[in-house]
């Protein structure tokens, strides 16, 4: 039974990676979710069903469109592979506990945001709303009402803190220093992780973002680095390593 669950979740993760990667392209470009069917972004020709098999299609097509022979952006098979591995990792680490569902919701948000933020510097409000509702539903199912209320207050506080950081950054650098999508995203993350772990997420996400920007400078013409994926990676790292992080925080706070 265990192996069946593992195979199912790995395949599901790849499928979700394919779907959510597609949404990461469609939403910023104002293309409907269901229409038209999958098509080549270069030549516009609709893809046949066997050209949409996650991961395998990219391999069989040798990374190129079957019609125009233009290279397929590697970000799409990347999110499919990431989806498969992260879904599997979430289950192996947590089983079907609250942390599995929180980490899987964050994973799904990450798969969309990797495409939309890296390619278009866009974090979808639709994704944030769905993620918020999903995290609230998980909170309501697994936690008592006082803990649910705490997470909601945490979301409000972290949103206010991030907005304050943005104002200070705008004054200091005389330009937009933090996107509104990033601020709202941290609020959503706090719904799942709470206040303290949200600050840990912000620290890890900032660290990963700085390292990435030093290795691969990915900025738009205003010099803004897509921050959303790094915040979500920070959230996953915080959950994955909570057994090590939580005792350190308790020791620091309690002494």
C-alpha atoms as a PDB file:
ATOM      1  CA  UNK A   1       0.000   0.000   0.000  1.00  0.00           C
ATOM      2  CA  UNK A   2       2.847   2.349   0.889  1.00  0.00           C
ATOM      3  CA  UNK A   3       4.497   1.987  -2.525  1.00  0.00           C
ATOM      4  CA  UNK A   4       1.171   2.679  -4.246  1.00  0.00           C
ATOM      5  CA  UNK A   5       0.775   5.917  -2.278  1.00  0.00           C
ATOM      6  CA  UNK A   6       4.354   6.934  -3.105  1.00  0.00           C
ATOM      7  CA  UNK A   7       3.887   6.273  -6.837  1.00  0.00           C
ATOM      8  CA  UNK A   8       0.498   8.015  -6.867  1.00  0.00           C
ATOM      9  CA  UNK A   9       1.776  11.152  -5.124  1.00  0.00           C
ATOM     10  CA  UNK A  10       4.891  11.329  -7.318  1.00  0.00           C
ATOM     11  CA  UNK A  11       2.811  11.099 -10.497  1.00  0.00           C
ATOM     12  CA  UNK A  12       0.267  13.550  -9.067  1.00  0.00           C
ATOM     13  CA  UNK A  13       3.073  15.981  -8.260  1.00  0.00           C
ATOM     14  CA  UNK A  14       4.359  15.831 -11.850  1.00  0.00           C
ATOM     15  CA  UNK A  15       0.828  16.382 -13.204  1.00  0.00           C
ATOM     16  CA  UNK A  16       0.253  19.303 -10.840  1.00  0.00           C
ATOM     17  CA  UNK A  17       3.629  20.722 -11.857  1.00  0.00           C
ATOM     18  CA  UNK A  18       2.562  20.575 -15.499  1.00  0.00           C
ATOM     19  CA  UNK A  19      -0.838  22.151 -14.818  1.00  0.00           C
ATOM     20  CA  UNK A  20       0.406  24.836 -12.432  1.00  0.00           C
ATOM     21  CA  UNK A  21       3.370  25.684 -14.648  1.00  0.00           C
ATOM     22  CA  UNK A  22       0.860  26.239 -17.446  1.00  0.00           C
ATOM     23  CA  UNK A  23      -1.207  28.462 -15.120  1.00  0.00           C
ATOM     24  CA  UNK A  24       1.955  30.402 -14.311  1.00  0.00           C
ATOM     25  CA  UNK A  25       2.147  31.263 -18.021  1.00  0.00           C
ATOM     26  CA  UNK A  26      -1.566  31.784 -18.685  1.00  0.00           C
ATOM     27  CA  UNK A  27      -2.553  33.965 -15.736  1.00  0.00           C
ATOM     28  CA  UNK A  28      -0.052  36.833 -16.344  1.00  0.00           C
ATOM     29  CA  UNK A  29      -0.868  36.718 -20.063  1.00  0.00           C
ATOM     30  CA  UNK A  30      -4.639  36.902 -19.407  1.00  0.00           C
ATOM     31  CA  UNK A  31      -5.322  33.559 -21.092  1.00  0.00           C
ATOM     32  CA  UNK A  32      -8.277  31.514 -19.860  1.00  0.00           C
ATOM     33  CA  UNK A  33      -7.528  28.463 -17.727  1.00  0.00           C
ATOM     34  CA  UNK A  34      -9.361  25.959 -19.927  1.00  0.00           C
ATOM     35  CA  UNK A  35      -9.395  27.601 -23.352  1.00  0.00           C
ATOM     36  CA  UNK A  36      -7.606  27.360 -25.673  1.00  0.00           C
ATOM     37  CA  UNK A  37      -6.070  23.939 -25.110  1.00  0.00           C
ATOM     38  CA  UNK A  38      -2.295  23.662 -24.631  1.00  0.00           C
ATOM     39  CA  UNK A  39      -0.318  25.308 -27.422  1.00  0.00           C
ATOM     40  CA  UNK A  40       3.231  26.226 -28.363  1.00  0.00           C
ATOM     41  CA  UNK A  41       4.103  29.681 -27.034  1.00  0.00           C
ATOM     42  CA  UNK A  42       6.192  30.380 -30.172  1.00  0.00           C
ATOM     43  CA  UNK A  43       4.141  29.138 -33.126  1.00  0.00           C
ATOM     44  CA  UNK A  44       0.739  28.972 -31.414  1.00  0.00           C
ATOM     45  CA  UNK A  45      -0.143  25.514 -32.736  1.00  0.00           C
ATOM     46  CA  UNK A  46      -2.204  23.312 -30.380  1.00  0.00           C
ATOM     47  CA  UNK A  47      -0.351  20.405 -28.826  1.00  0.00           C
ATOM     48  CA  UNK A  48      -1.515  16.822 -29.110  1.00  0.00           C
ATOM     49  CA  UNK A  49      -2.219  14.903 -25.908  1.00  0.00           C
ATOM     50  CA  UNK A  50       1.034  12.937 -26.028  1.00  0.00           C
ATOM     51  CA  UNK A  51       2.971  16.206 -26.169  1.00  0.00           C
ATOM     52  CA  UNK A  52       1.598  17.086 -22.726  1.00  0.00           C
ATOM     53  CA  UNK A  53       2.816  14.083 -20.738  1.00  0.00           C
ATOM     54  CA  UNK A  54       4.763  15.568 -17.813  1.00  0.00           C
ATOM     55  CA  UNK A  55       8.555  15.201 -18.038  1.00  0.00           C
ATOM     56  CA  UNK A  56       8.430  12.406 -20.650  1.00  0.00           C
ATOM     57  CA  UNK A  57       7.174  14.629 -23.478  1.00  0.00           C
ATOM     58  CA  UNK A  58      10.086  17.002 -22.994  1.00  0.00           C
ATOM     59  CA  UNK A  59      12.515  14.075 -23.226  1.00  0.00           C
ATOM     60  CA  UNK A  60      10.874  12.469 -26.273  1.00  0.00           C
ATOM     61  CA  UNK A  61      10.621  15.808 -28.089  1.00  0.00           C
ATOM     62  CA  UNK A  62      14.282  16.522 -27.213  1.00  0.00           C
ATOM     63  CA  UNK A  63      13.284  19.816 -25.637  1.00  0.00           C
ATOM     64  CA  UNK A  64      11.845  21.286 -28.848  1.00  0.00           C
ATOM     65  CA  UNK A  65       8.414  22.017 -30.276  1.00  0.00           C
ATOM     66  CA  UNK A  66       7.298  19.280 -32.679  1.00  0.00           C
ATOM     67  CA  UNK A  67       5.986  21.913 -35.117  1.00  0.00           C
ATOM     68  CA  UNK A  68       8.342  24.892 -35.180  1.00  0.00           C
ATOM     69  CA  UNK A  69      11.409  23.205 -33.617  1.00  0.00           C
ATOM     70  CA  UNK A  70      11.880  26.133 -31.215  1.00  0.00           C
ATOM     71  CA  UNK A  71      13.366  25.186 -27.806  1.00  0.00           C
ATOM     72  CA  UNK A  72      10.849  24.568 -25.030  1.00  0.00           C
ATOM     73  CA  UNK A  73      11.639  26.710 -22.016  1.00  0.00           C
ATOM     74  CA  UNK A  74      13.280  24.413 -19.458  1.00  0.00           C
ATOM     75  CA  UNK A  75      11.291  26.056 -16.669  1.00  0.00           C
ATOM     76  CA  UNK A  76       8.294  23.862 -17.602  1.00  0.00           C
ATOM     77  CA  UNK A  77       9.903  20.408 -17.194  1.00  0.00           C
ATOM     78  CA  UNK A  78      11.689  21.861 -14.159  1.00  0.00           C
ATOM     79  CA  UNK A  79       8.420  22.592 -12.334  1.00  0.00           C
ATOM     80  CA  UNK A  80       7.121  19.136 -13.323  1.00  0.00           C
ATOM     81  CA  UNK A  81      10.185  17.456 -11.815  1.00  0.00           C
ATOM     82  CA  UNK A  82      10.017  19.763  -8.790  1.00  0.00           C
ATOM     83  CA  UNK A  83       6.339  18.921  -8.308  1.00  0.00           C
ATOM     84  CA  UNK A  84       7.012  15.180  -8.392  1.00  0.00           C
ATOM     85  CA  UNK A  85       9.932  15.408  -5.949  1.00  0.00           C
ATOM     86  CA  UNK A  86       8.275  17.843  -3.540  1.00  0.00           C
ATOM     87  CA  UNK A  87       4.992  15.911  -3.333  1.00  0.00           C
ATOM     88  CA  UNK A  88       7.011  12.779  -2.612  1.00  0.00           C
ATOM     89  CA  UNK A  89       9.188  14.591  -0.073  1.00  0.00           C
ATOM     90  CA  UNK A  90       6.155  16.043   1.711  1.00  0.00           C
ATOM     91  CA  UNK A  91       4.665  12.591   2.199  1.00  0.00           C
ATOM     92  CA  UNK A  92       7.893  10.851   3.222  1.00  0.00           C
ATOM     93  CA  UNK A  93       8.615  13.531   5.820  1.00  0.00           C
ATOM     94  CA  UNK A  94       5.158  14.020   7.299  1.00  0.00           C
ATOM     95  CA  UNK A  95       2.738  11.290   6.214  1.00  0.00           C
ATOM     96  CA  UNK A  96      -0.837  12.568   6.015  1.00  0.00           C
ATOM     97  CA  UNK A  97      -0.456  15.041   8.881  1.00  0.00           C
ATOM     98  CA  UNK A  98      -1.141  18.781   8.990  1.00  0.00           C
ATOM     99  CA  UNK A  99       2.416  19.531   7.868  1.00  0.00           C
ATOM    100  CA  UNK A 100       1.889  17.429   4.736  1.00  0.00           C
ATOM    101  CA  UNK A 101      -1.123  19.480   3.689  1.00  0.00           C
ATOM    102  CA  UNK A 102       0.486  22.827   4.553  1.00  0.00           C
ATOM    103  CA  UNK A 103       3.709  21.968   2.710  1.00  0.00           C
ATOM    104  CA  UNK A 104       1.752  20.643  -0.291  1.00  0.00           C
ATOM    105  CA  UNK A 105      -0.334  23.821  -0.541  1.00  0.00           C
ATOM    106  CA  UNK A 106       2.857  25.893  -0.375  1.00  0.00           C
ATOM    107  CA  UNK A 107       4.414  23.573  -2.985  1.00  0.00           C
ATOM    108  CA  UNK A 108       1.509  24.214  -5.359  1.00  0.00           C
ATOM    109  CA  UNK A 109       1.853  27.961  -4.870  1.00  0.00           C
ATOM    110  CA  UNK A 110       5.583  27.636  -5.542  1.00  0.00           C
ATOM    111  CA  UNK A 111       5.030  25.736  -8.815  1.00  0.00           C
ATOM    112  CA  UNK A 112       2.829  28.542 -10.160  1.00  0.00           C
ATOM    113  CA  UNK A 113       5.002  31.350  -8.854  1.00  0.00           C
ATOM    114  CA  UNK A 114       8.261  29.949 -10.233  1.00  0.00           C
ATOM    115  CA  UNK A 115       6.863  30.507 -13.730  1.00  0.00           C
ATOM    116  CA  UNK A 116       4.806  33.671 -13.188  1.00  0.00           C
ATOM    117  CA  UNK A 117       7.347  35.550 -11.062  1.00  0.00           C
ATOM    118  CA  UNK A 118      10.553  34.474 -12.787  1.00  0.00           C
ATOM    119  CA  UNK A 119       9.194  35.022 -16.285  1.00  0.00           C
ATOM    120  CA  UNK A 120       6.752  37.915 -15.764  1.00  0.00           C
ATOM    121  CA  UNK A 121       7.480  39.361 -12.274  1.00  0.00           C
ATOM    122  CA  UNK A 122       3.867  38.607 -11.406  1.00  0.00           C
ATOM    123  CA  UNK A 123       2.299  36.979  -8.346  1.00  0.00           C
ATOM    124  CA  UNK A 124      -1.349  36.175  -8.971  1.00  0.00           C
ATOM    125  CA  UNK A 125      -3.998  37.344  -6.491  1.00  0.00           C
ATOM    126  CA  UNK A 126      -6.009  34.331  -7.612  1.00  0.00           C
ATOM    127  CA  UNK A 127      -3.251  32.010  -6.414  1.00  0.00           C
ATOM    128  CA  UNK A 128      -2.963  33.910  -3.124  1.00  0.00           C
ATOM    129  CA  UNK A 129      -6.701  33.725  -2.472  1.00  0.00           C
ATOM    130  CA  UNK A 130      -6.922  30.006  -3.246  1.00  0.00           C
ATOM    131  CA  UNK A 131      -3.826  29.348  -1.127  1.00  0.00           C
ATOM    132  CA  UNK A 132      -5.300  31.349   1.771  1.00  0.00           C
ATOM    133  CA  UNK A 133      -8.607  29.492   1.660  1.00  0.00           C
ATOM    134  CA  UNK A 134      -6.848  26.125   1.459  1.00  0.00           C
ATOM    135  CA  UNK A 135      -4.604  26.928   4.451  1.00  0.00           C
ATOM    136  CA  UNK A 136      -7.576  28.203   6.463  1.00  0.00           C
ATOM    137  CA  UNK A 137      -9.447  24.969   5.705  1.00  0.00           C
ATOM    138  CA  UNK A 138      -6.459  22.893   6.881  1.00  0.00           C
ATOM    139  CA  UNK A 139      -6.171  25.037  10.027  1.00  0.00           C
ATOM    140  CA  UNK A 140      -9.865  24.636  10.773  1.00  0.00           C
ATOM    141  CA  UNK A 141      -9.710  20.847  10.299  1.00  0.00           C
ATOM    142  CA  UNK A 142      -6.545  20.123  12.309  1.00  0.00           C
ATOM    143  CA  UNK A 143      -6.321  22.927  14.901  1.00  0.00           C
ATOM    144  CA  UNK A 144      -8.489  24.330  17.657  1.00  0.00           C
ATOM    145  CA  UNK A 145     -10.030  27.758  17.164  1.00  0.00           C
ATOM    146  CA  UNK A 146      -7.478  29.583  19.321  1.00  0.00           C
ATOM    147  CA  UNK A 147      -4.641  28.324  17.081  1.00  0.00           C
ATOM    148  CA  UNK A 148      -6.617  29.228  13.956  1.00  0.00           C
ATOM    149  CA  UNK A 149      -7.134  32.737  15.366  1.00  0.00           C
ATOM    150  CA  UNK A 150      -3.407  32.969  16.212  1.00  0.00           C
ATOM    151  CA  UNK A 151      -2.459  32.151  12.600  1.00  0.00           C
ATOM    152  CA  UNK A 152      -4.888  34.754  11.271  1.00  0.00           C
ATOM    153  CA  UNK A 153      -3.421  37.400  13.607  1.00  0.00           C
ATOM    154  CA  UNK A 154       0.058  36.251  12.534  1.00  0.00           C
ATOM    155  CA  UNK A 155      -0.894  36.865   8.899  1.00  0.00           C
ATOM    156  CA  UNK A 156      -2.064  40.398   9.728  1.00  0.00           C
ATOM    157  CA  UNK A 157       1.098  41.181  11.703  1.00  0.00           C
ATOM    158  CA  UNK A 158       3.537  39.842   9.093  1.00  0.00           C
ATOM    159  CA  UNK A 159       1.633  41.731   6.366  1.00  0.00           C
ATOM    160  CA  UNK A 160       1.982  44.952   8.381  1.00  0.00           C
ATOM    161  CA  UNK A 161       5.689  44.299   9.021  1.00  0.00           C
ATOM    162  CA  UNK A 162       6.351  43.632   5.333  1.00  0.00           C
ATOM    163  CA  UNK A 163       4.451  46.775   4.345  1.00  0.00           C
ATOM    164  CA  UNK A 164       6.531  48.793   6.826  1.00  0.00           C
ATOM    165  CA  UNK A 165       9.718  47.302   5.331  1.00  0.00           C
ATOM    166  CA  UNK A 166       8.487  48.347   1.887  1.00  0.00           C
ATOM    167  CA  UNK A 167       7.863  51.944   2.998  1.00  0.00           C
ATOM    168  CA  UNK A 168      11.311  52.178   4.594  1.00  0.00           C
ATOM    169  CA  UNK A 169      12.916  50.644   1.506  1.00  0.00           C
ATOM    170  CA  UNK A 170      11.098  53.024  -0.840  1.00  0.00           C
ATOM    171  CA  UNK A 171      12.266  56.023   1.194  1.00  0.00           C
ATOM    172  CA  UNK A 172      15.832  54.728   1.440  1.00  0.00           C
ATOM    173  CA  UNK A 173      16.330  53.672  -2.182  1.00  0.00           C
ATOM    174  CA  UNK A 174      13.987  56.234  -3.788  1.00  0.00           C
ATOM    175  CA  UNK A 175      12.231  53.490  -5.755  1.00  0.00           C
ATOM    176  CA  UNK A 176       9.962  50.485  -5.380  1.00  0.00           C
ATOM    177  CA  UNK A 177      11.824  48.151  -3.033  1.00  0.00           C
ATOM    178  CA  UNK A 178       9.303  45.359  -2.459  1.00  0.00           C
ATOM    179  CA  UNK A 179       6.408  44.157  -4.580  1.00  0.00           C
ATOM    180  CA  UNK A 180       2.851  44.121  -3.244  1.00  0.00           C
ATOM    181  CA  UNK A 181       2.614  40.472  -4.296  1.00  0.00           C
ATOM    182  CA  UNK A 182       5.535  39.574  -2.019  1.00  0.00           C
ATOM    183  CA  UNK A 183       3.876  41.342   0.918  1.00  0.00           C
ATOM    184  CA  UNK A 184       0.588  39.523   0.410  1.00  0.00           C
ATOM    185  CA  UNK A 185       2.413  36.240  -0.141  1.00  0.00           C
ATOM    186  CA  UNK A 186       4.091  36.491   3.274  1.00  0.00           C
ATOM    187  CA  UNK A 187       0.666  37.032   4.807  1.00  0.00           C
ATOM    188  CA  UNK A 188      -0.557  33.826   3.192  1.00  0.00           C
ATOM    189  CA  UNK A 189       2.523  31.925   4.368  1.00  0.00           C
ATOM    190  CA  UNK A 190       1.852  33.103   7.939  1.00  0.00           C
ATOM    191  CA  UNK A 191      -1.573  31.451   7.809  1.00  0.00           C
ATOM    192  CA  UNK A 192       0.202  28.116   7.586  1.00  0.00           C
ATOM    193  CA  UNK A 193       3.365  28.696   9.601  1.00  0.00           C
ATOM    194  CA  UNK A 194       2.452  31.224  12.278  1.00  0.00           C
ATOM    195  CA  UNK A 195       4.314  34.388  13.246  1.00  0.00           C
ATOM    196  CA  UNK A 196       7.738  33.183  14.425  1.00  0.00           C
ATOM    197  CA  UNK A 197       8.203  30.695  11.584  1.00  0.00           C
ATOM    198  CA  UNK A 198       7.185  33.411   9.118  1.00  0.00           C
ATOM    199  CA  UNK A 199      10.165  35.488  10.234  1.00  0.00           C
ATOM    200  CA  UNK A 200      12.350  32.391   9.839  1.00  0.00           C
ATOM    201  CA  UNK A 201      10.879  31.999   6.347  1.00  0.00           C
ATOM    202  CA  UNK A 202      11.686  35.610   5.523  1.00  0.00           C
ATOM    203  CA  UNK A 203      15.283  35.148   6.684  1.00  0.00           C
ATOM    204  CA  UNK A 204      15.823  31.904   4.726  1.00  0.00           C
ATOM    205  CA  UNK A 205      14.055  33.252   1.636  1.00  0.00           C
ATOM    206  CA  UNK A 206      16.173  36.415   1.688  1.00  0.00           C
ATOM    207  CA  UNK A 207      19.356  34.395   2.102  1.00  0.00           C
ATOM    208  CA  UNK A 208      18.493  32.051  -0.773  1.00  0.00           C
ATOM    209  CA  UNK A 209      17.470  35.025  -2.928  1.00  0.00           C
ATOM    210  CA  UNK A 210      20.763  36.835  -2.283  1.00  0.00           C
ATOM    211  CA  UNK A 211      22.789  33.721  -3.133  1.00  0.00           C
ATOM    212  CA  UNK A 212      20.764  33.168  -6.301  1.00  0.00           C
ATOM    213  CA  UNK A 213      21.113  36.794  -7.394  1.00  0.00           C
ATOM    214  CA  UNK A 214      24.874  36.608  -6.961  1.00  0.00           C
ATOM    215  CA  UNK A 215      25.091  33.467  -9.098  1.00  0.00           C
ATOM    216  CA  UNK A 216      22.399  34.195 -11.673  1.00  0.00           C
ATOM    217  CA  UNK A 217      21.466  37.842 -11.943  1.00  0.00           C
ATOM    218  CA  UNK A 218      17.768  37.713 -12.857  1.00  0.00           C
ATOM    219  CA  UNK A 219      16.358  41.239 -12.713  1.00  0.00           C
ATOM    220  CA  UNK A 220      13.908  43.298 -14.693  1.00  0.00           C
ATOM    221  CA  UNK A 221      14.792  46.673 -16.152  1.00  0.00           C
ATOM    222  CA  UNK A 222      14.082  48.374 -12.802  1.00  0.00           C
ATOM    223  CA  UNK A 223      16.582  46.044 -11.130  1.00  0.00           C
ATOM    224  CA  UNK A 224      13.906  44.128  -9.201  1.00  0.00           C
ATOM    225  CA  UNK A 225      14.614  40.473  -8.395  1.00  0.00           C
ATOM    226  CA  UNK A 226      11.636  38.038  -8.361  1.00  0.00           C
ATOM    227  CA  UNK A 227      11.311  37.359  -4.628  1.00  0.00           C
ATOM    228  CA  UNK A 228       8.145  35.229  -4.446  1.00  0.00           C
ATOM    229  CA  UNK A 229       9.707  31.834  -5.247  1.00  0.00           C
ATOM    230  CA  UNK A 230      12.433  32.390  -2.644  1.00  0.00           C
ATOM    231  CA  UNK A 231       9.872  33.186   0.048  1.00  0.00           C
ATOM    232  CA  UNK A 232       8.028  29.963  -0.749  1.00  0.00           C
ATOM    233  CA  UNK A 233      11.295  27.994  -0.777  1.00  0.00           C
ATOM    234  CA  UNK A 234      12.042  29.557   2.603  1.00  0.00           C
ATOM    235  CA  UNK A 235       8.627  28.425   3.855  1.00  0.00           C
ATOM    236  CA  UNK A 236       9.263  24.851   2.731  1.00  0.00           C
ATOM    237  CA  UNK A 237      12.723  24.834   4.327  1.00  0.00           C
ATOM    238  CA  UNK A 238      11.206  26.108   7.575  1.00  0.00           C
ATOM    239  CA  UNK A 239       8.687  23.255   7.590  1.00  0.00           C
ATOM    240  CA  UNK A 240      11.170  20.592   6.493  1.00  0.00           C
ATOM    241  CA  UNK A 241      13.738  21.518   9.136  1.00  0.00           C
ATOM    242  CA  UNK A 242      11.290  22.478  11.882  1.00  0.00           C
ATOM    243  CA  UNK A 243      12.685  19.737  14.148  1.00  0.00           C
ATOM    244  CA  UNK A 244      15.977  21.645  14.187  1.00  0.00           C
ATOM    245  CA  UNK A 245      14.696  25.201  13.893  1.00  0.00           C
ATOM    246  CA  UNK A 246      12.001  25.096  16.604  1.00  0.00           C
ATOM    247  CA  UNK A 247      14.361  24.040  19.453  1.00  0.00           C
ATOM    248  CA  UNK A 248      16.787  26.807  18.456  1.00  0.00           C
ATOM    249  CA  UNK A 249      14.013  29.389  18.517  1.00  0.00           C
ATOM    250  CA  UNK A 250      12.720  28.134  21.870  1.00  0.00           C
ATOM    251  CA  UNK A 251      16.223  28.286  23.292  1.00  0.00           C
ATOM    252  CA  UNK A 252      16.719  31.811  21.966  1.00  0.00           C
ATOM    253  CA  UNK A 253      13.360  33.100  23.235  1.00  0.00           C
ATOM    254  CA  UNK A 254      13.072  31.183  26.503  1.00  0.00           C
ATOM    255  CA  UNK A 255      16.834  31.156  27.180  1.00  0.00           C
END
